């Protein structure tokens, strides 16, 4: 496991901005130093709302072989790494996102720590409800909720369902992942009420008929992990599936971008979900930090960031991140980039500069 620097070391090494920025806690700045929203009224006029969902699934002290404390630290560490940057100016595009967008940080959902160590159905559903409340508040304000979490349902289903309830019409889905997450039940609880890591997408399709498989764009899976009948069910029903092998041998990143249209064709909104175990060992650090979740032929950080940007340009009603590789400062910066370049896409869209 890489050594993540302390907050004191992070501050001491930060040379690009002053130490004056909003803080949620002593060691938790707001994302990119945006205003801190403490109540629903503070979301008025926002274009995007950052929400943290600190939750690790299952019983015990580890998830997929990695200490849960490392997983749970993501909502703090992503914000810590964001504050090393001057602000919202993205030199790649000569664009300051804050000249076009109002972005606020709504802090972390108040999920009891016990929910991440005692995986009872009741605790899981309470945690999910807490995330849904903040997501619904963001949607009601006319903003795009951007949820930074670690496990389902708190950083997947808890965003996808409110988006479906909010959008008036069919909803498309863009999903980056190493796993389909489409098993017919949650392995951890075996309970029909839980949209867990193995089944959240299946449950979302069953619970929210505004999602249709023909508008699912599934990106990044590979290898021998899946049940063939599950994958074939989605293929038969029209999902646009782009496994990493096809991306590497045929499509390239531009082919992936071109195929995003399947989530938008005939839909009134889109939910995007980035499960960052899709990187495997192809990101800027070794895959072993993901424990059991890492697989060969991973997506690169550029590809994930580029997809986030292109989704923002095309429009998106909700965005979520989970399985953020733990312990590495540079991996948390990948999330900062993905969120920021997504926001840059939204800003371009708002300014009529998308070129799509």
Foldseek 3Di string as FASTA:
>chain_A
DAADDDLVVLVVPQDAADPDADAPDPQAGFQQRAAEDADLVVLAQFAEEEEEQQAAAFAAQDDLRAGSVQQSCLNRLLRSLRPSHHGQQDPVVRDRLVVQGRYYYHYYQPQDPVCRHDVDPVSQVVSLVSLLVVLLSNVVSVYAYEYEYAWPDNFPLSNLVSLLVSFDAAFAEEEEAQAPLCDCADPRHRDPVGSGSNHVVNNSVVVRVSYFLLRYEYEQYDDDDDDVVRVVVSVVRHHNYHYLVCCVPPQPLVNSLVVNCSRVVRTRAYEYEYEPLLQQQQEPHHNCLLNNSHDPSGDYLVSLLVNLLSCLLVHHRYYGYHSQRGNDSVSSVSVSSSVSSNSVSVSCNSVVNSPD
